[in-house]
Amino acid sequence: MSPTPGERTADDPERGDRAFKLPAEIVSRPQQFVEPHLVLPNGQQPNNASNQELNGRVWKTWSLNSPWDPAKHTLTQLVDTVVKQWDR
């Protein structure tokens, strides 16, 4: 079965994993990570991008401008915010 237009497949080089480093108690926005090869839809890097090792794997992290607040928002909403930033 062929993917629909805009759908990403597992072997798509623009598709990438995302990760979050979650503390036991979430009192502020957790740090977010994506695979280092990803760029924004405009082809640029996000603000203050840097690579960091997390569990033996290199990830890209960046300065995410988001009003996400653990007292008001869910982790699902944070994941959606991160995914939308990289959506093509």
PDB file of N, CA and C in Angstrom:
ATOM      1  N   MET A   1       0.838  -1.169   0.000  1.00  0.00           N
ATOM      2  CA  MET A   1       0.000   0.000   0.000  1.00  0.00           C
ATOM      3  C   MET A   1       0.889   1.240   0.000  1.00  0.00           C
ATOM      4  N   SER A   2       0.602   2.182  -0.863  1.00  0.00           N
ATOM      5  CA  SER A   2       1.395   3.406  -0.969  1.00  0.00           C
ATOM      6  C   SER A   2       0.946   4.424   0.074  1.00  0.00           C
ATOM      7  N   PRO A   3       1.903   5.231   0.587  1.00  0.00           N
ATOM      8  CA  PRO A   3       1.509   6.270   1.540  1.00  0.00           C
ATOM      9  C   PRO A   3       0.694   7.354   0.837  1.00  0.00           C
ATOM     10  N   THR A   4      -0.185   7.987   1.572  1.00  0.00           N
ATOM     11  CA  THR A   4      -0.945   9.105   1.031  1.00  0.00           C
ATOM     12  C   THR A   4      -0.034  10.315   0.941  1.00  0.00           C
ATOM     13  N   PRO A   5      -0.353  11.312   0.103  1.00  0.00           N
ATOM     14  CA  PRO A   5       0.503  12.501   0.011  1.00  0.00           C
ATOM     15  C   PRO A   5       0.717  13.138   1.380  1.00  0.00           C
ATOM     16  N   GLY A   6       1.972  13.429   1.679  1.00  0.00           N
ATOM     17  CA  GLY A   6       2.315  14.045   2.965  1.00  0.00           C
ATOM     18  C   GLY A   6       2.589  13.046   4.074  1.00  0.00           C
ATOM     19  N   GLU A   7       2.225  11.787   3.886  1.00  0.00           N
ATOM     20  CA  GLU A   7       2.445  10.768   4.918  1.00  0.00           C
ATOM     21  C   GLU A   7       3.903  10.327   4.895  1.00  0.00           C
ATOM     22  N   ARG A   8       4.480  10.110   6.072  1.00  0.00           N
ATOM     23  CA  ARG A   8       5.865   9.673   6.172  1.00  0.00           C
ATOM     24  C   ARG A   8       5.900   8.169   6.427  1.00  0.00           C
ATOM     25  N   THR A   9       6.842   7.490   5.790  1.00  0.00           N
ATOM     26  CA  THR A   9       7.005   6.059   6.000  1.00  0.00           C
ATOM     27  C   THR A   9       8.219   5.820   6.877  1.00  0.00           C
ATOM     28  N   ALA A  10       8.360   4.603   7.385  1.00  0.00           N
ATOM     29  CA  ALA A  10       9.445   4.280   8.312  1.00  0.00           C
ATOM     30  C   ALA A  10      10.818   4.482   7.688  1.00  0.00           C
ATOM     31  N   ASP A  11      10.943   4.335   6.366  1.00  0.00           N
ATOM     32  CA  ASP A  11      12.242   4.495   5.722  1.00  0.00           C
ATOM     33  C   ASP A  11      12.471   5.906   5.182  1.00  0.00           C
ATOM     34  N   ASP A  12      11.595   6.839   5.481  1.00  0.00           N
ATOM     35  CA  ASP A  12      11.706   8.223   5.018  1.00  0.00           C
ATOM     36  C   ASP A  12      12.823   8.933   5.780  1.00  0.00           C
ATOM     37  N   PRO A  13      13.824   9.515   5.075  1.00  0.00           N
ATOM     38  CA  PRO A  13      14.934  10.166   5.767  1.00  0.00           C
ATOM     39  C   PRO A  13      14.528  11.443   6.506  1.00  0.00           C
ATOM     40  N   GLU A  14      13.356  12.015   6.183  1.00  0.00           N
ATOM     41  CA  GLU A  14      12.919  13.225   6.872  1.00  0.00           C
ATOM     42  C   GLU A  14      12.099  12.911   8.119  1.00  0.00           C
ATOM     43  N   ARG A  15      11.705  11.673   8.262  1.00  0.00           N
ATOM     44  CA  ARG A  15      10.994  11.256   9.450  1.00  0.00           C
ATOM     45  C   ARG A  15      12.035  11.070  10.545  1.00  0.00           C
ATOM     46  N   GLY A  16      11.721  11.404  11.760  1.00  0.00           N
ATOM     47  CA  GLY A  16      12.707  11.243  12.808  1.00  0.00           C
ATOM     48  C   GLY A  16      12.081  10.962  14.151  1.00  0.00           C
ATOM     49  N   ASP A  17      12.850  10.321  15.005  1.00  0.00           N
ATOM     50  CA  ASP A  17      12.407  10.051  16.361  1.00  0.00           C
ATOM     51  C   ASP A  17      12.433  11.332  17.177  1.00  0.00           C
ATOM     52  N   ARG A  18      11.607  11.373  18.176  1.00  0.00           N
ATOM     53  CA  ARG A  18      11.606  12.461  19.151  1.00  0.00           C
ATOM     54  C   ARG A  18      11.751  11.830  20.521  1.00  0.00           C
ATOM     55  N   ALA A  19      12.349  12.571  21.452  1.00  0.00           N
ATOM     56  CA  ALA A  19      12.525  12.062  22.814  1.00  0.00           C
ATOM     57  C   ALA A  19      12.361  13.214  23.800  1.00  0.00           C
ATOM     58  N   PHE A  20      11.981  12.875  25.006  1.00  0.00           N
ATOM     59  CA  PHE A  20      11.862  13.849  26.085  1.00  0.00           C
ATOM     60  C   PHE A  20      12.563  13.282  27.307  1.00  0.00           C
ATOM     61  N   LYS A  21      13.265  14.130  28.013  1.00  0.00           N
ATOM     62  CA  LYS A  21      13.923  13.724  29.252  1.00  0.00           C
ATOM     63  C   LYS A  21      13.009  14.167  30.387  1.00  0.00           C
ATOM     64  N   LEU A  22      12.321  13.201  31.001  1.00  0.00           N
ATOM     65  CA  LEU A  22      11.309  13.517  32.005  1.00  0.00           C
ATOM     66  C   LEU A  22      11.815  13.235  33.415  1.00  0.00           C
ATOM     67  N   PRO A  23      11.781  14.240  34.273  1.00  0.00           N
ATOM     68  CA  PRO A  23      12.136  14.013  35.676  1.00  0.00           C
ATOM     69  C   PRO A  23      10.976  13.301  36.386  1.00  0.00           C
ATOM     70  N   ALA A  24      11.219  12.814  37.587  1.00  0.00           N
ATOM     71  CA  ALA A  24      10.174  12.128  38.358  1.00  0.00           C
ATOM     72  C   ALA A  24       8.980  13.048  38.593  1.00  0.00           C
ATOM     73  N   GLU A  25       9.248  14.304  38.881  1.00  0.00           N
ATOM     74  CA  GLU A  25       8.185  15.290  39.088  1.00  0.00           C
ATOM     75  C   GLU A  25       8.378  16.406  38.066  1.00  0.00           C
ATOM     76  N   ILE A  26       7.374  16.616  37.256  1.00  0.00           N
ATOM     77  CA  ILE A  26       7.477  17.626  36.201  1.00  0.00           C
ATOM     78  C   ILE A  26       6.947  18.955  36.724  1.00  0.00           C
ATOM     79  N   VAL A  27       7.869  19.910  36.927  1.00  0.00           N
ATOM     80  CA  VAL A  27       7.493  21.228  37.437  1.00  0.00           C
ATOM     81  C   VAL A  27       7.769  22.337  36.423  1.00  0.00           C
ATOM     82  N   SER A  28       8.412  21.971  35.307  1.00  0.00           N
ATOM     83  CA  SER A  28       8.658  22.911  34.220  1.00  0.00           C
ATOM     84  C   SER A  28       8.713  22.113  32.917  1.00  0.00           C
ATOM     85  N   ARG A  29       8.838  22.802  31.795  1.00  0.00           N
ATOM     86  CA  ARG A  29       8.851  22.112  30.508  1.00  0.00           C
ATOM     87  C   ARG A  29      10.079  21.212  30.404  1.00  0.00           C
ATOM     88  N   PRO A  30       9.880  19.916  30.145  1.00  0.00           N
ATOM     89  CA  PRO A  30      11.019  19.018  30.003  1.00  0.00           C
ATOM     90  C   PRO A  30      11.800  19.316  28.718  1.00  0.00           C
ATOM     91  N   GLN A  31      13.062  18.958  28.728  1.00  0.00           N
ATOM     92  CA  GLN A  31      13.895  19.147  27.551  1.00  0.00           C
ATOM     93  C   GLN A  31      13.449  18.173  26.463  1.00  0.00           C
ATOM     94  N   GLN A  32      13.433  18.645  25.242  1.00  0.00           N
ATOM     95  CA  GLN A  32      12.992  17.843  24.114  1.00  0.00           C
ATOM     96  C   GLN A  32      14.157  17.587  23.166  1.00  0.00           C
ATOM     97  N   PHE A  33      14.086  16.460  22.470  1.00  0.00           N
ATOM     98  CA  PHE A  33      15.162  16.039  21.579  1.00  0.00           C
ATOM     99  C   PHE A  33      14.576  15.479  20.290  1.00  0.00           C
ATOM    100  N   VAL A  34      15.298  15.642  19.182  1.00  0.00           N
ATOM    101  CA  VAL A  34      14.956  15.013  17.907  1.00  0.00           C
ATOM    102  C   VAL A  34      16.241  14.464  17.304  1.00  0.00           C
ATOM    103  N   GLU A  35      16.106  13.672  16.262  1.00  0.00           N
ATOM    104  CA  GLU A  35      17.294  13.168  15.581  1.00  0.00           C
ATOM    105  C   GLU A  35      18.063  14.332  14.957  1.00  0.00           C
ATOM    106  N   PRO A  36      19.400  14.272  14.994  1.00  0.00           N
ATOM    107  CA  PRO A  36      20.225  15.402  14.549  1.00  0.00           C
ATOM    108  C   PRO A  36      20.039  15.824  13.090  1.00  0.00           C
ATOM    109  N   HIS A  37      19.606  14.931  12.218  1.00  0.00           N
ATOM    110  CA  HIS A  37      19.477  15.287  10.795  1.00  0.00           C
ATOM    111  C   HIS A  37      18.262  16.151  10.485  1.00  0.00           C
ATOM    112  N   LEU A  38      17.311  16.257  11.399  1.00  0.00           N
ATOM    113  CA  LEU A  38      16.098  17.014  11.114  1.00  0.00           C
ATOM    114  C   LEU A  38      16.362  18.519  11.059  1.00  0.00           C
ATOM    115  N   VAL A  39      15.698  19.180  10.137  1.00  0.00           N
ATOM    116  CA  VAL A  39      15.718  20.638  10.032  1.00  0.00           C
ATOM    117  C   VAL A  39      14.268  21.113  10.002  1.00  0.00           C
ATOM    118  N   LEU A  40      14.058  22.400  10.218  1.00  0.00           N
ATOM    119  CA  LEU A  40      12.721  22.978  10.200  1.00  0.00           C
ATOM    120  C   LEU A  40      12.169  22.968   8.777  1.00  0.00           C
ATOM    121  N   PRO A  41      10.862  23.153   8.612  1.00  0.00           N
ATOM    122  CA  PRO A  41      10.277  23.158   7.265  1.00  0.00           C
ATOM    123  C   PRO A  41      10.944  24.157   6.308  1.00  0.00           C
ATOM    124  N   ASN A  42      11.527  25.228   6.845  1.00  0.00           N
ATOM    125  CA  ASN A  42      12.200  26.210   5.988  1.00  0.00           C
ATOM    126  C   ASN A  42      13.642  25.817   5.669  1.00  0.00           C
ATOM    127  N   GLY A  43      14.076  24.629   6.138  1.00  0.00           N
ATOM    128  CA  GLY A  43      15.418  24.138   5.863  1.00  0.00           C
ATOM    129  C   GLY A  43      16.478  24.617   6.844  1.00  0.00           C
ATOM    130  N   GLN A  44      16.083  25.424   7.803  1.00  0.00           N
ATOM    131  CA  GLN A  44      17.016  25.988   8.781  1.00  0.00           C
ATOM    132  C   GLN A  44      17.024  25.176  10.070  1.00  0.00           C
ATOM    133  N   GLN A  45      18.021  25.449  10.905  1.00  0.00           N
ATOM    134  CA  GLN A  45      18.089  24.868  12.245  1.00  0.00           C
ATOM    135  C   GLN A  45      17.227  25.714  13.193  1.00  0.00           C
ATOM    136  N   PRO A  46      16.681  25.119  14.239  1.00  0.00           N
ATOM    137  CA  PRO A  46      15.929  25.902  15.222  1.00  0.00           C
ATOM    138  C   PRO A  46      16.877  26.753  16.066  1.00  0.00           C
ATOM    139  N   ASN A  47      16.318  27.647  16.868  1.00  0.00           N
ATOM    140  CA  ASN A  47      17.117  28.519  17.735  1.00  0.00           C
ATOM    141  C   ASN A  47      17.953  27.717  18.719  1.00  0.00           C
ATOM    142  N   ASN A  48      19.213  28.095  18.832  1.00  0.00           N
ATOM    143  CA  ASN A  48      20.128  27.523  19.815  1.00  0.00           C
ATOM    144  C   ASN A  48      20.208  25.999  19.755  1.00  0.00           C
ATOM    145  N   ALA A  49      20.248  25.447  18.559  1.00  0.00           N
ATOM    146  CA  ALA A  49      20.334  23.993  18.401  1.00  0.00           C
ATOM    147  C   ALA A  49      21.711  23.494  18.830  1.00  0.00           C
ATOM    148  N   SER A  50      21.720  22.359  19.491  1.00  0.00           N
ATOM    149  CA  SER A  50      22.972  21.714  19.875  1.00  0.00           C
ATOM    150  C   SER A  50      22.731  20.211  19.960  1.00  0.00           C
ATOM    151  N   ASN A  51      23.799  19.448  19.846  1.00  0.00           N
ATOM    152  CA  ASN A  51      23.702  17.998  19.971  1.00  0.00           C
ATOM    153  C   ASN A  51      24.104  17.577  21.375  1.00  0.00           C
ATOM    154  N   GLN A  52      23.380  16.601  21.897  1.00  0.00           N
ATOM    155  CA  GLN A  52      23.671  16.052  23.223  1.00  0.00           C
ATOM    156  C   GLN A  52      23.491  14.546  23.177  1.00  0.00           C
ATOM    157  N   GLU A  53      24.272  13.866  24.008  1.00  0.00           N
ATOM    158  CA  GLU A  53      24.120  12.423  24.121  1.00  0.00           C
ATOM    159  C   GLU A  53      23.075  12.124  25.191  1.00  0.00           C
ATOM    160  N   LEU A  54      22.207  11.198  24.868  1.00  0.00           N
ATOM    161  CA  LEU A  54      21.164  10.765  25.803  1.00  0.00           C
ATOM    162  C   LEU A  54      21.053   9.251  25.660  1.00  0.00           C
ATOM    163  N   ASN A  55      21.402   8.538  26.708  1.00  0.00           N
ATOM    164  CA  ASN A  55      21.350   7.073  26.698  1.00  0.00           C
ATOM    165  C   ASN A  55      22.149   6.470  25.544  1.00  0.00           C
ATOM    166  N   GLY A  56      23.346   6.995  25.295  1.00  0.00           N
ATOM    167  CA  GLY A  56      24.234   6.444  24.288  1.00  0.00           C
ATOM    168  C   GLY A  56      23.895   6.809  22.858  1.00  0.00           C
ATOM    169  N   ARG A  57      23.005   7.745  22.665  1.00  0.00           N
ATOM    170  CA  ARG A  57      22.589   8.151  21.327  1.00  0.00           C
ATOM    171  C   ARG A  57      22.682   9.672  21.223  1.00  0.00           C
ATOM    172  N   VAL A  58      23.105  10.183  20.068  1.00  0.00           N
ATOM    173  CA  VAL A  58      23.211  11.631  19.876  1.00  0.00           C
ATOM    174  C   VAL A  58      21.864  12.169  19.399  1.00  0.00           C
ATOM    175  N   TRP A  59      21.404  13.226  20.064  1.00  0.00           N
ATOM    176  CA  TRP A  59      20.139  13.886  19.754  1.00  0.00           C
ATOM    177  C   TRP A  59      20.386  15.383  19.587  1.00  0.00           C
ATOM    178  N   LYS A  60      19.475  16.042  18.869  1.00  0.00           N
ATOM    179  CA  LYS A  60      19.498  17.497  18.769  1.00  0.00           C
ATOM    180  C   LYS A  60      18.485  18.053  19.761  1.00  0.00           C
ATOM    181  N   THR A  61      18.876  19.095  20.487  1.00  0.00           N
ATOM    182  CA  THR A  61      17.952  19.812  21.348  1.00  0.00           C
ATOM    183  C   THR A  61      18.024  21.276  20.951  1.00  0.00           C
ATOM    184  N   TRP A  62      17.073  22.071  21.370  1.00  0.00           N
ATOM    185  CA  TRP A  62      17.009  23.465  20.952  1.00  0.00           C
ATOM    186  C   TRP A  62      16.159  24.271  21.913  1.00  0.00           C
ATOM    187  N   SER A  63      16.191  25.559  21.719  1.00  0.00           N
ATOM    188  CA  SER A  63      15.393  26.468  22.530  1.00  0.00           C
ATOM    189  C   SER A  63      13.981  26.498  21.953  1.00  0.00           C
ATOM    190  N   LEU A  64      13.033  25.956  22.671  1.00  0.00           N
ATOM    191  CA  LEU A  64      11.645  25.885  22.219  1.00  0.00           C
ATOM    192  C   LEU A  64      10.851  27.004  22.881  1.00  0.00           C
ATOM    193  N   ASN A  65      10.325  27.885  22.066  1.00  0.00           N
ATOM    194  CA  ASN A  65       9.501  28.983  22.578  1.00  0.00           C
ATOM    195  C   ASN A  65       8.066  28.484  22.655  1.00  0.00           C
ATOM    196  N   SER A  66       7.641  28.096  23.845  1.00  0.00           N
ATOM    197  CA  SER A  66       6.315  27.528  24.028  1.00  0.00           C
ATOM    198  C   SER A  66       5.766  27.910  25.395  1.00  0.00           C
ATOM    199  N   PRO A  67       4.483  28.236  25.463  1.00  0.00           N
ATOM    200  CA  PRO A  67       3.876  28.567  26.750  1.00  0.00           C
ATOM    201  C   PRO A  67       3.473  27.338  27.555  1.00  0.00           C
ATOM    202  N   TRP A  68       3.966  26.151  27.186  1.00  0.00           N
ATOM    203  CA  TRP A  68       3.562  24.928  27.869  1.00  0.00           C
ATOM    204  C   TRP A  68       3.869  25.026  29.354  1.00  0.00           C
ATOM    205  N   ASP A  69       2.888  24.697  30.161  1.00  0.00           N
ATOM    206  CA  ASP A  69       2.995  24.772  31.625  1.00  0.00           C
ATOM    207  C   ASP A  69       2.399  23.490  32.207  1.00  0.00           C
ATOM    208  N   PRO A  70       3.171  22.733  33.001  1.00  0.00           N
ATOM    209  CA  PRO A  70       2.659  21.454  33.516  1.00  0.00           C
ATOM    210  C   PRO A  70       1.426  21.602  34.400  1.00  0.00           C
ATOM    211  N   ALA A  71       1.203  22.788  34.947  1.00  0.00           N
ATOM    212  CA  ALA A  71       0.012  23.007  35.776  1.00  0.00           C
ATOM    213  C   ALA A  71      -1.246  23.187  34.923  1.00  0.00           C
ATOM    214  N   LYS A  72      -1.057  23.520  33.646  1.00  0.00           N
ATOM    215  CA  LYS A  72      -2.202  23.819  32.775  1.00  0.00           C
ATOM    216  C   LYS A  72      -2.334  22.874  31.586  1.00  0.00           C
ATOM    217  N   HIS A  73      -1.233  22.237  31.195  1.00  0.00           N
ATOM    218  CA  HIS A  73      -1.218  21.453  29.966  1.00  0.00           C
ATOM    219  C   HIS A  73      -0.794  20.009  30.230  1.00  0.00           C
ATOM    220  N   THR A  74      -1.136  19.141  29.287  1.00  0.00           N
ATOM    221  CA  THR A  74      -0.765  17.732  29.398  1.00  0.00           C
ATOM    222  C   THR A  74       0.545  17.480  28.641  1.00  0.00           C
ATOM    223  N   LEU A  75       1.174  16.336  28.923  1.00  0.00           N
ATOM    224  CA  LEU A  75       2.364  15.949  28.163  1.00  0.00           C
ATOM    225  C   LEU A  75       2.019  15.720  26.696  1.00  0.00           C
ATOM    226  N   THR A  76       0.827  15.243  26.423  1.00  0.00           N
ATOM    227  CA  THR A  76       0.393  15.059  25.034  1.00  0.00           C
ATOM    228  C   THR A  76       0.414  16.393  24.293  1.00  0.00           C
ATOM    229  N   GLN A  77      -0.014  17.457  24.951  1.00  0.00           N
ATOM    230  CA  GLN A  77       0.014  18.776  24.315  1.00  0.00           C
ATOM    231  C   GLN A  77       1.452  19.217  24.035  1.00  0.00           C
ATOM    232  N   LEU A  78       2.387  18.894  24.925  1.00  0.00           N
ATOM    233  CA  LEU A  78       3.781  19.230  24.686  1.00  0.00           C
ATOM    234  C   LEU A  78       4.325  18.448  23.492  1.00  0.00           C
ATOM    235  N   VAL A  79       4.036  17.158  23.435  1.00  0.00           N
ATOM    236  CA  VAL A  79       4.488  16.336  22.316  1.00  0.00           C
ATOM    237  C   VAL A  79       3.922  16.896  21.011  1.00  0.00           C
ATOM    238  N   ASP A  80       2.650  17.254  21.003  1.00  0.00           N
ATOM    239  CA  ASP A  80       2.036  17.832  19.805  1.00  0.00           C
ATOM    240  C   ASP A  80       2.745  19.112  19.381  1.00  0.00           C
ATOM    241  N   THR A  81       3.123  19.948  20.339  1.00  0.00           N
ATOM    242  CA  THR A  81       3.831  21.198  20.042  1.00  0.00           C
ATOM    243  C   THR A  81       5.167  20.909  19.371  1.00  0.00           C
ATOM    244  N   VAL A  82       5.911  19.960  19.911  1.00  0.00           N
ATOM    245  CA  VAL A  82       7.213  19.605  19.348  1.00  0.00           C
ATOM    246  C   VAL A  82       7.058  19.009  17.955  1.00  0.00           C
ATOM    247  N   VAL A  83       6.136  18.080  17.785  1.00  0.00           N
ATOM    248  CA  VAL A  83       5.930  17.433  16.488  1.00  0.00           C
ATOM    249  C   VAL A  83       5.537  18.470  15.438  1.00  0.00           C
ATOM    250  N   LYS A  84       4.653  19.390  15.781  1.00  0.00           N
ATOM    251  CA  LYS A  84       4.216  20.409  14.819  1.00  0.00           C
ATOM    252  C   LYS A  84       5.354  21.310  14.373  1.00  0.00           C
ATOM    253  N   GLN A  85       6.331  21.548  15.240  1.00  0.00           N
ATOM    254  CA  GLN A  85       7.453  22.400  14.859  1.00  0.00           C
ATOM    255  C   GLN A  85       8.244  21.763  13.719  1.00  0.00           C
ATOM    256  N   TRP A  86       8.289  20.440  13.668  1.00  0.00           N
ATOM    257  CA  TRP A  86       9.087  19.731  12.665  1.00  0.00           C
ATOM    258  C   TRP A  86       8.237  19.237  11.500  1.00  0.00           C
ATOM    259  N   ASP A  87       6.935  19.406  11.588  1.00  0.00           N
ATOM    260  CA  ASP A  87       6.024  18.932  10.543  1.00  0.00           C
ATOM    261  C   ASP A  87       6.326  19.592   9.210  1.00  0.00           C
ATOM    262  N   ARG A  88       6.250  18.843   8.163  1.00  0.00           N
ATOM    263  CA  ARG A  88       6.519  19.375   6.814  1.00  0.00           C
ATOM    264  C   ARG A  88       5.265  19.429   6.005  1.00  0.00           C
TER     265      ARG A  88
END
